[in-house]
N, C-alpha and C. Protein backbone atom coordinates (compact mmCIF):
# COMPACT_ATOMS: atom_id res chain seq x y z
N MET A 1 8.96 19.33 15.22
CA MET A 1 10.19 19.07 14.50
C MET A 1 10.09 17.79 13.68
N VAL A 2 9.47 16.77 14.22
CA VAL A 2 9.36 15.49 13.51
C VAL A 2 8.50 15.65 12.26
N LYS A 3 7.44 16.45 12.33
CA LYS A 3 6.58 16.64 11.16
C LYS A 3 7.31 17.38 10.05
N ILE A 4 8.23 18.22 10.42
CA ILE A 4 8.97 19.00 9.43
C ILE A 4 10.03 18.14 8.74
N ALA A 5 10.76 17.35 9.50
CA ALA A 5 11.86 16.58 8.94
C ALA A 5 11.85 15.14 9.48
N PRO A 6 10.85 14.33 9.10
CA PRO A 6 10.79 12.97 9.63
C PRO A 6 11.98 12.10 9.22
N SER A 7 12.65 12.45 8.13
CA SER A 7 13.78 11.64 7.69
C SER A 7 15.02 11.85 8.56
N LEU A 8 15.00 12.84 9.45
CA LEU A 8 16.14 13.09 10.32
C LEU A 8 16.00 12.37 11.66
N VAL A 9 14.86 11.76 11.91
CA VAL A 9 14.60 11.09 13.18
C VAL A 9 14.93 9.61 13.05
N GLU A 10 15.64 9.08 14.05
CA GLU A 10 15.94 7.65 14.09
C GLU A 10 15.65 7.13 15.49
N TYR A 11 15.07 5.94 15.57
CA TYR A 11 14.94 5.29 16.86
C TYR A 11 14.76 3.79 16.67
N GLN A 12 15.05 3.05 17.71
CA GLN A 12 14.82 1.62 17.74
C GLN A 12 14.22 1.28 19.09
N ALA A 13 13.18 0.47 19.09
CA ALA A 13 12.51 0.11 20.32
C ALA A 13 12.24 -1.38 20.35
N ASN A 14 12.47 -1.99 21.50
CA ASN A 14 12.12 -3.38 21.75
C ASN A 14 11.15 -3.39 22.92
N ILE A 15 9.95 -3.87 22.66
CA ILE A 15 8.88 -3.82 23.65
C ILE A 15 8.40 -5.24 23.93
N GLU A 16 8.19 -5.55 25.20
CA GLU A 16 7.58 -6.81 25.60
C GLU A 16 6.46 -6.50 26.57
N TYR A 17 5.32 -7.14 26.36
CA TYR A 17 4.24 -6.99 27.32
C TYR A 17 3.33 -8.20 27.29
N ASP A 18 2.61 -8.36 28.38
CA ASP A 18 1.72 -9.48 28.58
C ASP A 18 0.42 -9.27 27.79
N LYS A 19 -0.17 -10.36 27.37
CA LYS A 19 -1.41 -10.31 26.61
C LYS A 19 -2.51 -9.58 27.39
N GLN A 20 -2.53 -9.71 28.70
CA GLN A 20 -3.56 -9.07 29.51
C GLN A 20 -3.43 -7.54 29.45
N ILE A 21 -2.20 -7.05 29.38
CA ILE A 21 -2.00 -5.60 29.26
C ILE A 21 -2.58 -5.11 27.94
N MET A 22 -2.33 -5.86 26.88
CA MET A 22 -2.88 -5.50 25.56
C MET A 22 -4.40 -5.49 25.61
N LYS A 23 -4.99 -6.48 26.26
CA LYS A 23 -6.45 -6.53 26.36
C LYS A 23 -6.98 -5.32 27.13
N THR A 24 -6.32 -4.96 28.22
CA THR A 24 -6.75 -3.81 29.01
C THR A 24 -6.65 -2.52 28.21
N LEU A 25 -5.52 -2.33 27.52
CA LEU A 25 -5.34 -1.12 26.71
C LEU A 25 -6.39 -1.03 25.60
N MET A 26 -6.58 -2.12 24.89
CA MET A 26 -7.54 -2.11 23.79
C MET A 26 -8.97 -1.95 24.30
N SER A 27 -9.29 -2.58 25.42
CA SER A 27 -10.64 -2.45 25.98
C SER A 27 -10.92 -1.02 26.40
N ASN A 28 -9.94 -0.38 27.04
CA ASN A 28 -10.11 1.02 27.43
C ASN A 28 -10.29 1.92 26.21
N TYR A 29 -9.54 1.66 25.17
CA TYR A 29 -9.64 2.44 23.94
C TYR A 29 -11.01 2.24 23.29
N LEU A 30 -11.46 0.98 23.21
CA LEU A 30 -12.73 0.69 22.55
C LEU A 30 -13.94 1.15 23.34
N GLN A 31 -13.81 1.23 24.66
CA GLN A 31 -14.93 1.68 25.49
C GLN A 31 -15.33 3.11 25.15
N ARG A 32 -14.39 3.88 24.69
CA ARG A 32 -14.71 5.26 24.30
C ARG A 32 -15.69 5.28 23.14
N GLY A 33 -15.65 4.27 22.32
CA GLY A 33 -16.58 4.15 21.20
C GLY A 33 -17.72 3.20 21.50
N SER A 34 -17.91 2.87 22.77
CA SER A 34 -18.99 1.97 23.22
C SER A 34 -18.86 0.58 22.60
N LYS A 35 -17.64 0.10 22.42
CA LYS A 35 -17.39 -1.24 21.89
C LYS A 35 -16.67 -2.07 22.94
N THR A 36 -16.66 -3.38 22.76
CA THR A 36 -15.94 -4.27 23.66
C THR A 36 -15.01 -5.16 22.85
N LEU A 37 -14.09 -5.81 23.54
CA LEU A 37 -13.12 -6.70 22.90
C LEU A 37 -13.22 -8.07 23.56
N SER A 38 -13.63 -9.07 22.82
CA SER A 38 -13.72 -10.42 23.37
C SER A 38 -12.34 -11.08 23.35
N ASP A 39 -12.19 -12.15 24.11
CA ASP A 39 -10.93 -12.89 24.12
C ASP A 39 -10.61 -13.44 22.73
N GLN A 40 -11.64 -13.86 22.01
CA GLN A 40 -11.44 -14.39 20.66
C GLN A 40 -10.95 -13.29 19.71
N GLU A 41 -11.52 -12.10 19.81
CA GLU A 41 -11.08 -10.98 18.97
C GLU A 41 -9.64 -10.58 19.29
N LEU A 42 -9.29 -10.61 20.57
CA LEU A 42 -7.92 -10.31 20.97
C LEU A 42 -6.95 -11.32 20.37
N GLU A 43 -7.29 -12.60 20.45
CA GLU A 43 -6.44 -13.65 19.88
C GLU A 43 -6.29 -13.46 18.37
N GLN A 44 -7.37 -13.12 17.69
CA GLN A 44 -7.31 -12.88 16.25
C GLN A 44 -6.40 -11.71 15.93
N MET A 45 -6.48 -10.66 16.72
CA MET A 45 -5.64 -9.49 16.51
C MET A 45 -4.17 -9.83 16.73
N LEU A 46 -3.87 -10.55 17.81
CA LEU A 46 -2.49 -10.92 18.10
C LEU A 46 -1.93 -11.88 17.06
N ASN A 47 -2.75 -12.84 16.63
CA ASN A 47 -2.32 -13.76 15.58
C ASN A 47 -2.07 -13.02 14.27
N GLY A 48 -2.90 -12.03 13.97
CA GLY A 48 -2.70 -11.22 12.77
C GLY A 48 -1.39 -10.44 12.82
N MET A 49 -1.07 -9.89 14.00
CA MET A 49 0.19 -9.17 14.17
C MET A 49 1.37 -10.11 13.97
N GLN A 50 1.24 -11.33 14.49
CA GLN A 50 2.32 -12.31 14.35
C GLN A 50 2.48 -12.74 12.89
N GLN A 51 1.38 -12.99 12.21
CA GLN A 51 1.44 -13.41 10.81
C GLN A 51 1.98 -12.31 9.91
N ALA A 52 1.73 -11.05 10.27
CA ALA A 52 2.24 -9.92 9.50
C ALA A 52 3.67 -9.57 9.88
N MET A 53 4.27 -10.39 10.73
CA MET A 53 5.65 -10.20 11.20
C MET A 53 5.83 -8.89 11.97
N GLN A 54 4.77 -8.42 12.61
CA GLN A 54 4.85 -7.21 13.43
C GLN A 54 5.16 -7.54 14.88
N ALA A 55 4.99 -8.82 15.26
CA ALA A 55 5.22 -9.22 16.65
C ALA A 55 5.56 -10.69 16.71
N LYS A 56 6.20 -11.08 17.81
CA LYS A 56 6.45 -12.49 18.12
C LYS A 56 5.75 -12.78 19.43
N ARG A 57 5.29 -14.02 19.56
CA ARG A 57 4.63 -14.41 20.81
C ARG A 57 5.44 -15.51 21.47
N ASP A 58 5.52 -15.39 22.77
CA ASP A 58 6.12 -16.43 23.61
C ASP A 58 5.12 -16.70 24.71
N GLY A 59 4.18 -17.61 24.44
CA GLY A 59 3.09 -17.84 25.38
C GLY A 59 2.17 -16.62 25.39
N ASP A 60 2.01 -16.02 26.56
CA ASP A 60 1.17 -14.84 26.68
C ASP A 60 1.95 -13.54 26.59
N VAL A 61 3.24 -13.63 26.27
CA VAL A 61 4.09 -12.44 26.15
C VAL A 61 4.23 -12.08 24.67
N LEU A 62 3.98 -10.82 24.39
CA LEU A 62 4.09 -10.30 23.03
C LEU A 62 5.37 -9.47 22.94
N LYS A 63 6.18 -9.72 21.91
CA LYS A 63 7.45 -9.02 21.73
C LYS A 63 7.42 -8.28 20.40
N ILE A 64 7.72 -6.99 20.46
CA ILE A 64 7.71 -6.16 19.26
C ILE A 64 9.02 -5.39 19.18
N GLY A 65 9.65 -5.44 18.02
CA GLY A 65 10.85 -4.65 17.76
C GLY A 65 10.56 -3.71 16.60
N ILE A 66 10.85 -2.44 16.77
CA ILE A 66 10.58 -1.44 15.74
C ILE A 66 11.81 -0.59 15.52
N GLU A 67 12.10 -0.33 14.27
CA GLU A 67 13.16 0.60 13.92
C GLU A 67 12.57 1.65 13.00
N TYR A 68 12.82 2.90 13.30
CA TYR A 68 12.37 4.01 12.46
C TYR A 68 13.62 4.76 12.02
N LYS A 69 13.82 4.80 10.72
CA LYS A 69 15.04 5.42 10.20
C LYS A 69 14.75 5.99 8.82
N TYR A 70 15.17 7.22 8.61
CA TYR A 70 15.02 7.89 7.31
C TYR A 70 13.56 7.93 6.85
N GLY A 71 12.65 8.14 7.81
CA GLY A 71 11.24 8.27 7.47
C GLY A 71 10.51 6.98 7.25
N GLU A 72 11.15 5.81 7.48
CA GLU A 72 10.51 4.52 7.25
C GLU A 72 10.51 3.69 8.53
N LYS A 73 9.39 3.00 8.76
CA LYS A 73 9.23 2.12 9.91
C LYS A 73 9.47 0.69 9.48
N LYS A 74 10.23 -0.06 10.27
CA LYS A 74 10.51 -1.46 9.96
C LYS A 74 10.35 -2.28 11.23
N PHE A 75 9.61 -3.38 11.16
CA PHE A 75 9.45 -4.29 12.29
C PHE A 75 10.61 -5.26 12.28
N LEU A 76 11.19 -5.50 13.46
CA LEU A 76 12.41 -6.30 13.57
C LEU A 76 12.12 -7.69 14.15
N ASN A 77 11.06 -8.31 13.75
CA ASN A 77 10.72 -9.61 14.32
C ASN A 77 10.98 -10.74 13.38
């Protein structure tokens, strides 16, 4: 249904998670391609997300707000 009419779907999500959870998720994902994620690469990725206004950081906690409305995604940070 979403593929047929993406402009009819609306949602808003506020997500908070610890940096270690992000590292675990990304490491598991990258292991499938036989790659690893160093602490420095993780920091670069998180800093990039923050600079692109996709996330806010509070110490080791990452906060992401997303709104999807009328077929468009908007970060609420």
